[in-house]
Amino acid sequence: MYAIIACGIFAKEVEALRAEIGFDFEAHYLGPGLHVDFDELKAALQSELEICRQNDSEGIIVAYGQCHPAIADILKPYHTALIECQNCVDAFITRKGMEKKANDGLFFYLSSGWLEAWRDIFRRLNWGPEEARLQMGSFRGAVYMDTLKDAHLREQELLEFFDFTNLPFEVMPVELDHFKMLLIKARESLEV
């Protein structure tokens, strides 16, 4: 059996794909926001990698972007494949899709996981509303990537994010095909 070590930001999407991904896996989700502290992220990754090694996983798919400057070095001692993306945004939408949206300006992207974790992540950054608004002042707005087709249920959460950041939001329907392909491609690379 394979293992997937993923940022908790991806948890709901990984689980939504479990039945159609084409291989069995044991999932290990790390806390969202670890990218705020590189030492903490490294320690958490290494701990889960060791657990997967001890469980004799066939291979380990790591669902993270380039969230640590030395992520390749952290993964090197293990039989792993990192999904091919820079961050959690282009894991869900292609780089081309991001560039197309960038023609409208700079946006802050939220997924289901981000919508649930932003308060903790901002707390880790020591951001209150004033700091968030200052740090995010260059963004035209927020884009909710509706990967789970649940935007109609998340309006209150989106309004709370707006109240905190002063960023108006819009909903972008997103299919999980791209993310699914990244996971499958990573698993296939482990067989080489």
Protein backbone atom coordinates (compact mmCIF):
# COMPACT_ATOMS: atom_id res chain seq x y z
CA MET A 1 0.00 0.00 0.00
CA TYR A 2 1.13 3.52 -0.75
CA ALA A 3 1.16 6.40 1.69
CA ILE A 4 0.16 9.96 1.03
CA ILE A 5 1.60 12.60 3.31
CA ALA A 6 -0.34 15.77 2.66
CA CYS A 7 -0.78 19.23 4.05
CA GLY A 8 -4.10 19.30 5.86
CA ILE A 9 -5.18 21.93 3.34
CA PHE A 10 -5.61 19.02 0.87
CA ALA A 11 -7.37 16.58 3.21
CA LYS A 12 -10.94 16.89 1.93
CA GLU A 13 -9.87 16.80 -1.71
CA VAL A 14 -7.65 13.74 -1.19
CA GLU A 15 -10.53 11.97 0.54
CA ALA A 16 -12.95 13.02 -2.21
CA LEU A 17 -10.64 11.33 -4.73
CA ARG A 18 -9.96 8.17 -2.68
CA ALA A 19 -12.43 5.96 -4.59
CA GLU A 20 -11.37 7.09 -8.06
CA ILE A 21 -7.62 7.57 -7.75
CA GLY A 22 -6.81 4.00 -8.81
CA PHE A 23 -4.56 2.86 -5.96
CA ASP A 24 -4.89 2.12 -2.26
CA PHE A 25 -3.21 4.48 0.15
CA GLU A 26 -2.92 5.32 3.79
CA ALA A 27 -3.32 9.07 4.36
CA HIS A 28 -1.26 11.16 6.77
CA TYR A 29 -2.37 14.78 7.09
CA LEU A 30 -0.12 17.39 8.63
CA GLY A 31 -1.42 20.56 10.20
CA PRO A 32 -2.16 23.41 7.80
CA GLY A 33 0.12 26.37 8.30
CA LEU A 34 3.33 24.49 9.04
CA HIS A 35 4.91 26.40 6.14
CA VAL A 36 4.97 29.45 8.44
CA ASP A 37 7.80 27.79 10.46
CA PHE A 38 10.32 25.88 8.31
CA ASP A 39 11.79 24.00 11.29
CA GLU A 40 8.35 22.84 12.39
CA LEU A 41 7.43 21.76 8.85
CA LYS A 42 10.70 19.83 8.46
CA ALA A 43 10.23 18.04 11.79
CA ALA A 44 6.62 17.12 11.01
CA LEU A 45 7.51 15.82 7.54
CA GLN A 46 10.44 13.77 8.83
CA SER A 47 8.31 12.28 11.58
CA GLU A 48 5.60 11.15 9.13
CA LEU A 49 8.18 9.93 6.61
CA GLU A 50 9.70 7.72 9.32
CA ILE A 51 6.27 6.33 10.22
CA CYS A 52 5.64 5.48 6.55
CA ARG A 53 9.06 3.84 6.27
CA GLN A 54 8.38 1.73 9.38
CA ASN A 55 5.00 0.72 7.92
CA ASP A 56 6.81 -0.57 4.79
CA SER A 57 4.88 1.68 2.42
CA GLU A 58 5.39 0.80 -1.26
CA GLY A 59 6.13 4.46 -1.81
CA ILE A 60 5.23 7.81 -0.36
CA ILE A 61 3.42 10.52 -2.29
CA VAL A 62 4.00 13.93 -0.73
CA ALA A 63 1.20 16.40 -1.43
CA TYR A 64 2.92 19.69 -0.73
CA GLY A 65 4.08 22.52 -2.89
CA GLN A 66 7.50 24.09 -2.55
CA CYS A 67 6.56 25.05 1.00
CA HIS A 68 10.06 24.49 2.41
CA PRO A 69 13.22 25.73 0.66
CA ALA A 70 14.90 22.36 1.24
CA ILE A 71 11.93 20.07 0.64
CA ALA A 72 13.86 17.98 -1.91
CA ASP A 73 16.63 17.38 0.64
CA ILE A 74 14.12 16.45 3.34
CA LEU A 75 12.51 13.86 1.06
CA LYS A 76 15.72 12.49 -0.49
CA PRO A 77 16.43 9.69 2.05
CA TYR A 78 12.95 8.23 1.50
CA HIS A 79 11.15 6.54 -1.40
CA THR A 80 8.98 9.57 -2.17
CA ALA A 81 7.47 11.54 -4.99
CA LEU A 82 6.50 15.16 -4.47
CA ILE A 83 3.51 16.32 -6.50
CA GLU A 84 4.48 18.78 -9.22
CA CYS A 85 3.21 22.16 -8.06
CA GLN A 86 4.58 25.32 -6.54
CA ASN A 87 1.83 25.71 -3.96
CA CYS A 88 -1.65 24.58 -3.03
CA VAL A 89 -3.23 26.93 -5.56
CA ASP A 90 -1.59 25.47 -8.64
CA ALA A 91 -2.23 21.99 -7.27
CA PHE A 92 -5.92 22.70 -7.84
CA ILE A 93 -5.75 24.93 -10.90
CA THR A 94 -3.04 24.78 -13.51
CA ARG A 95 -0.28 27.36 -13.71
CA LYS A 96 -1.90 28.48 -16.97
CA GLY A 97 -5.20 28.94 -15.14
CA MET A 98 -3.46 31.04 -12.49
CA GLU A 99 -1.78 33.17 -15.14
CA LYS A 100 -5.11 33.73 -16.88
CA LYS A 101 -6.70 34.92 -13.63
CA ALA A 102 -3.65 37.10 -12.95
CA ASN A 103 -4.64 39.18 -15.98
CA ASP A 104 -7.41 40.55 -13.73
CA GLY A 105 -4.95 41.42 -10.96
CA LEU A 106 -3.45 39.83 -7.86
CA PHE A 107 -5.80 37.60 -5.83
CA PHE A 108 -5.53 35.61 -2.62
CA TYR A 109 -6.76 32.06 -3.20
CA LEU A 110 -8.73 30.03 -0.69
CA SER A 111 -9.68 26.38 -0.85
CA SER A 112 -11.94 24.50 1.52
CA GLY A 113 -8.93 23.68 3.69
CA TRP A 114 -7.69 27.27 3.64
CA LEU A 115 -11.12 28.54 4.59
CA GLU A 116 -11.00 26.33 7.68
CA ALA A 117 -7.34 27.07 8.54
CA TRP A 118 -6.79 30.76 7.80
CA ARG A 119 -7.47 31.90 11.37
CA ASP A 120 -4.81 29.57 12.75
CA ILE A 121 -2.35 30.45 9.99
CA PHE A 122 -2.84 34.17 10.56
CA ARG A 123 -2.46 33.61 14.32
CA ARG A 124 0.87 31.87 13.64
CA LEU A 125 1.89 34.93 11.64
CA ASN A 126 0.73 37.21 14.48
CA TRP A 127 -1.75 38.88 12.16
CA GLY A 128 -4.80 40.60 13.53
CA PRO A 129 -7.18 42.34 11.13
CA GLU A 130 -4.93 45.40 10.84
CA GLU A 131 -1.82 43.35 10.00
CA ALA A 132 -3.75 41.14 7.58
CA ARG A 133 -5.16 44.15 5.75
CA LEU A 134 -1.74 45.77 5.58
CA GLN A 135 0.00 42.58 4.38
CA MET A 136 -2.74 41.77 1.90
CA GLY A 137 -3.32 45.29 0.66
CA SER A 138 -1.96 44.56 -2.81
CA PHE A 139 -4.61 41.89 -3.47
CA ARG A 140 -7.71 42.88 -5.46
CA GLY A 141 -9.74 40.26 -3.66
CA ALA A 142 -10.01 36.62 -2.63
CA VAL A 143 -10.95 33.70 -4.86
CA TYR A 144 -12.63 30.68 -3.31
CA MET A 145 -11.60 27.65 -5.38
CA ASP A 146 -14.77 25.59 -5.10
CA THR A 147 -13.19 22.14 -5.39
CA LEU A 148 -15.91 20.42 -3.35
CA LYS A 149 -18.88 22.27 -4.86
CA ASP A 150 -19.77 23.59 -1.40
CA ALA A 151 -19.51 27.36 -1.89
CA HIS A 152 -23.24 27.78 -1.26
CA LEU A 153 -22.65 26.32 2.23
CA ARG A 154 -19.56 28.45 2.94
CA GLU A 155 -20.95 31.95 2.50
CA GLN A 156 -20.77 32.79 6.22
CA GLU A 157 -17.12 31.65 6.39
CA LEU A 158 -16.29 33.68 3.29
CA LEU A 159 -17.95 36.74 4.82
CA GLU A 160 -15.88 36.26 7.98
CA PHE A 161 -12.71 36.17 5.87
CA PHE A 162 -13.88 39.35 4.12
CA ASP A 163 -14.57 41.06 7.47
CA PHE A 164 -11.08 40.17 8.71
CA THR A 165 -9.10 41.02 5.57
CA ASN A 166 -11.35 43.50 3.77
CA LEU A 167 -10.87 41.44 0.59
CA PRO A 168 -14.04 40.98 -1.46
CA PHE A 169 -14.45 37.38 -2.60
CA GLU A 170 -15.58 35.55 -5.67
CA VAL A 171 -16.18 31.86 -6.28
CA MET A 172 -14.25 29.93 -8.92
CA PRO A 173 -15.65 26.50 -9.81
CA VAL A 174 -12.75 24.02 -9.86
CA GLU A 175 -12.77 20.38 -10.91
CA LEU A 176 -10.40 17.97 -9.15
CA ASP A 177 -9.03 16.49 -12.41
CA HIS A 178 -5.75 18.43 -12.23
CA PHE A 179 -5.11 17.52 -8.58
CA LYS A 180 -6.02 13.89 -9.28
CA MET A 181 -3.55 13.82 -12.19
CA LEU A 182 -0.78 15.20 -9.95
CA LEU A 183 -1.34 12.44 -7.39
CA ILE A 184 -1.46 9.70 -10.04
CA LYS A 185 1.63 11.05 -11.80
CA ALA A 186 3.52 11.09 -8.48
CA ARG A 187 2.52 7.49 -7.77
CA GLU A 188 3.59 6.41 -11.27
CA SER A 189 7.00 8.03 -10.78
CA LEU A 190 7.55 5.80 -7.74
CA GLU A 191 7.35 2.72 -9.97
CA VAL A 192 10.26 3.76 -12.18
